[in-house]
Amino acid sequence: MKQFDAQTQTDIEAAAFRRLLQHLDQHKDVQNIDLMILADFCRNCLAKWLMTAAEEQGETLSYDDAREQVYGMPYDQWKDLYQQPATPEQLAAFAAREEAKKGKA
């Protein structure tokens, strides 16, 4: 595996993260519950990871501010514009995934 100096590695990772956020922004039709079912993370998880990363750097980032960075707008606005009610099928798939995770613990 190619090795980079620490700053270059950080820059590459940051660029990849920004691209992920851009990709999610371009695919607002992909609901958080779909992400949770398929990958066990969602946009809100990314916001929580941003908060944790900020804390690790000695910075403070509120959950609302972190979500605004991830969603590109205040969360309540994004939710009103793009979030669809979860279908019974989505809820069942999510519950099954959560149950399967308990079996792996």
C-alpha atoms as a PDB file:
ATOM      1  CA  MET A   1       0.000   0.000   0.000  1.00  0.00           C
ATOM      2  CA  LYS A   2       1.289   3.442  -0.917  1.00  0.00           C
ATOM      3  CA  GLN A   3       2.294   5.499   2.092  1.00  0.00           C
ATOM      4  CA  PHE A   4       1.829   9.271   2.299  1.00  0.00           C
ATOM      5  CA  ASP A   5       3.104  11.759   4.811  1.00  0.00           C
ATOM      6  CA  ALA A   6       0.570  12.562   7.530  1.00  0.00           C
ATOM      7  CA  GLN A   7      -0.601  15.869   6.035  1.00  0.00           C
ATOM      8  CA  THR A   8      -1.068  14.425   2.554  1.00  0.00           C
ATOM      9  CA  GLN A   9      -2.982  11.468   4.011  1.00  0.00           C
ATOM     10  CA  THR A  10      -5.231  13.851   5.967  1.00  0.00           C
ATOM     11  CA  ASP A  11      -5.803  15.992   2.864  1.00  0.00           C
ATOM     12  CA  ILE A  12      -6.726  12.931   0.786  1.00  0.00           C
ATOM     13  CA  GLU A  13      -9.095  11.627   3.450  1.00  0.00           C
ATOM     14  CA  ALA A  14     -10.711  15.058   3.856  1.00  0.00           C
ATOM     15  CA  ALA A  15     -11.230  15.311   0.086  1.00  0.00           C
ATOM     16  CA  ALA A  16     -12.799  11.836   0.022  1.00  0.00           C
ATOM     17  CA  PHE A  17     -15.110  12.812   2.892  1.00  0.00           C
ATOM     18  CA  ARG A  18     -16.168  15.983   1.080  1.00  0.00           C
ATOM     19  CA  ARG A  19     -16.861  13.869  -2.022  1.00  0.00           C
ATOM     20  CA  LEU A  20     -18.998  11.489   0.053  1.00  0.00           C
ATOM     21  CA  LEU A  21     -21.031  14.440   1.360  1.00  0.00           C
ATOM     22  CA  GLN A  22     -21.400  15.769  -2.186  1.00  0.00           C
ATOM     23  CA  HIS A  23     -22.502  12.337  -3.392  1.00  0.00           C
ATOM     24  CA  LEU A  24     -25.109  12.059  -0.632  1.00  0.00           C
ATOM     25  CA  ASP A  25     -26.300  15.578  -1.441  1.00  0.00           C
ATOM     26  CA  GLN A  26     -26.753  14.590  -5.088  1.00  0.00           C
ATOM     27  CA  HIS A  27     -28.770  11.545  -3.990  1.00  0.00           C
ATOM     28  CA  LYS A  28     -31.236  12.992  -1.515  1.00  0.00           C
ATOM     29  CA  ASP A  29     -33.668  10.276  -2.591  1.00  0.00           C
ATOM     30  CA  VAL A  30     -31.538   7.811  -0.633  1.00  0.00           C
ATOM     31  CA  GLN A  31     -33.134   7.930   2.773  1.00  0.00           C
ATOM     32  CA  ASN A  32     -31.231   7.596   6.030  1.00  0.00           C
ATOM     33  CA  ILE A  33     -33.106   4.411   6.878  1.00  0.00           C
ATOM     34  CA  ASP A  34     -31.921   2.905   3.576  1.00  0.00           C
ATOM     35  CA  LEU A  35     -28.329   3.752   4.501  1.00  0.00           C
ATOM     36  CA  MET A  36     -28.819   2.236   7.953  1.00  0.00           C
ATOM     37  CA  ILE A  37     -30.286  -0.957   6.501  1.00  0.00           C
ATOM     38  CA  LEU A  38     -27.526  -1.396   3.930  1.00  0.00           C
ATOM     39  CA  ALA A  39     -24.452   0.065   5.605  1.00  0.00           C
ATOM     40  CA  ASP A  40     -25.304   0.601   9.287  1.00  0.00           C
ATOM     41  CA  PHE A  41     -24.601   4.340   9.105  1.00  0.00           C
ATOM     42  CA  CYS A  42     -26.475   7.404   7.926  1.00  0.00           C
ATOM     43  CA  ARG A  43     -26.052  11.132   7.547  1.00  0.00           C
ATOM     44  CA  ASN A  44     -26.673  11.608  11.263  1.00  0.00           C
ATOM     45  CA  CYS A  45     -23.870   9.158  12.018  1.00  0.00           C
ATOM     46  CA  LEU A  46     -21.547  11.233   9.848  1.00  0.00           C
ATOM     47  CA  ALA A  47     -22.520  14.312  11.868  1.00  0.00           C
ATOM     48  CA  LYS A  48     -21.753  12.485  15.111  1.00  0.00           C
ATOM     49  CA  TRP A  49     -18.383  11.404  13.720  1.00  0.00           C
ATOM     50  CA  LEU A  50     -17.651  15.022  12.788  1.00  0.00           C
ATOM     51  CA  MET A  51     -18.458  16.089  16.353  1.00  0.00           C
ATOM     52  CA  THR A  52     -16.145  13.416  17.743  1.00  0.00           C
ATOM     53  CA  ALA A  53     -13.353  14.386  15.352  1.00  0.00           C
ATOM     54  CA  ALA A  54     -13.703  18.031  16.368  1.00  0.00           C
ATOM     55  CA  GLU A  55     -13.526  17.064  20.045  1.00  0.00           C
ATOM     56  CA  GLU A  56     -10.405  14.998  19.378  1.00  0.00           C
ATOM     57  CA  GLN A  57      -8.837  18.169  17.955  1.00  0.00           C
ATOM     58  CA  GLY A  58      -9.850  20.183  21.028  1.00  0.00           C
ATOM     59  CA  GLU A  59     -12.654  21.931  19.144  1.00  0.00           C
ATOM     60  CA  THR A  60     -16.344  22.196  19.885  1.00  0.00           C
ATOM     61  CA  LEU A  61     -18.916  21.400  17.219  1.00  0.00           C
ATOM     62  CA  SER A  62     -22.579  21.135  18.145  1.00  0.00           C
ATOM     63  CA  TYR A  63     -24.714  18.340  16.751  1.00  0.00           C
ATOM     64  CA  ASP A  64     -26.883  20.886  14.901  1.00  0.00           C
ATOM     65  CA  ASP A  65     -23.821  22.508  13.321  1.00  0.00           C
ATOM     66  CA  ALA A  66     -22.379  19.123  12.400  1.00  0.00           C
ATOM     67  CA  ARG A  67     -25.657  18.053  10.805  1.00  0.00           C
ATOM     68  CA  GLU A  68     -25.784  21.304   8.850  1.00  0.00           C
ATOM     69  CA  GLN A  69     -22.321  20.511   7.487  1.00  0.00           C
ATOM     70  CA  VAL A  70     -23.464  17.034   6.461  1.00  0.00           C
ATOM     71  CA  TYR A  71     -26.899  17.970   5.114  1.00  0.00           C
ATOM     72  CA  GLY A  72     -25.820  21.267   3.545  1.00  0.00           C
ATOM     73  CA  MET A  73     -28.686  23.043   5.316  1.00  0.00           C
ATOM     74  CA  PRO A  74     -30.328  22.953   8.734  1.00  0.00           C
ATOM     75  CA  TYR A  75     -31.514  19.419   9.460  1.00  0.00           C
ATOM     76  CA  ASP A  76     -35.155  20.427  10.022  1.00  0.00           C
ATOM     77  CA  GLN A  77     -35.220  22.088   6.606  1.00  0.00           C
ATOM     78  CA  TRP A  78     -33.674  19.016   4.924  1.00  0.00           C
ATOM     79  CA  LYS A  79     -36.105  16.755   6.737  1.00  0.00           C
ATOM     80  CA  ASP A  80     -39.103  18.829   5.612  1.00  0.00           C
ATOM     81  CA  LEU A  81     -37.896  18.921   2.014  1.00  0.00           C
ATOM     82  CA  TYR A  82     -36.507  15.428   1.478  1.00  0.00           C
ATOM     83  CA  GLN A  83     -37.238  12.903   4.203  1.00  0.00           C
ATOM     84  CA  GLN A  84     -40.008  10.490   3.394  1.00  0.00           C
ATOM     85  CA  PRO A  85     -41.898   8.469   5.994  1.00  0.00           C
ATOM     86  CA  ALA A  86     -40.345   5.051   6.449  1.00  0.00           C
ATOM     87  CA  THR A  87     -42.332   2.311   4.779  1.00  0.00           C
ATOM     88  CA  PRO A  88     -43.380  -0.806   6.686  1.00  0.00           C
ATOM     89  CA  GLU A  89     -40.849  -2.729   4.588  1.00  0.00           C
ATOM     90  CA  GLN A  90     -38.035  -0.344   5.537  1.00  0.00           C
ATOM     91  CA  LEU A  91     -38.968  -0.519   9.207  1.00  0.00           C
ATOM     92  CA  ALA A  92     -39.026  -4.318   9.067  1.00  0.00           C
ATOM     93  CA  ALA A  93     -35.662  -4.467   7.313  1.00  0.00           C
ATOM     94  CA  PHE A  94     -34.167  -2.050   9.832  1.00  0.00           C
ATOM     95  CA  ALA A  95     -35.545  -4.067  12.751  1.00  0.00           C
ATOM     96  CA  ALA A  96     -34.130  -7.266  11.225  1.00  0.00           C
ATOM     97  CA  ARG A  97     -30.713  -5.654  10.837  1.00  0.00           C
ATOM     98  CA  GLU A  98     -30.755  -4.424  14.430  1.00  0.00           C
ATOM     99  CA  GLU A  99     -31.754  -7.882  15.623  1.00  0.00           C
ATOM    100  CA  ALA A 100     -28.985  -9.496  13.583  1.00  0.00           C
ATOM    101  CA  LYS A 101     -26.453  -7.131  15.178  1.00  0.00           C
ATOM    102  CA  LYS A 102     -27.509  -8.350  18.620  1.00  0.00           C
ATOM    103  CA  GLY A 103     -26.616 -11.870  17.589  1.00  0.00           C
ATOM    104  CA  LYS A 104     -23.106 -10.787  16.609  1.00  0.00           C
ATOM    105  CA  ALA A 105     -22.368  -9.026  19.910  1.00  0.00           C
END
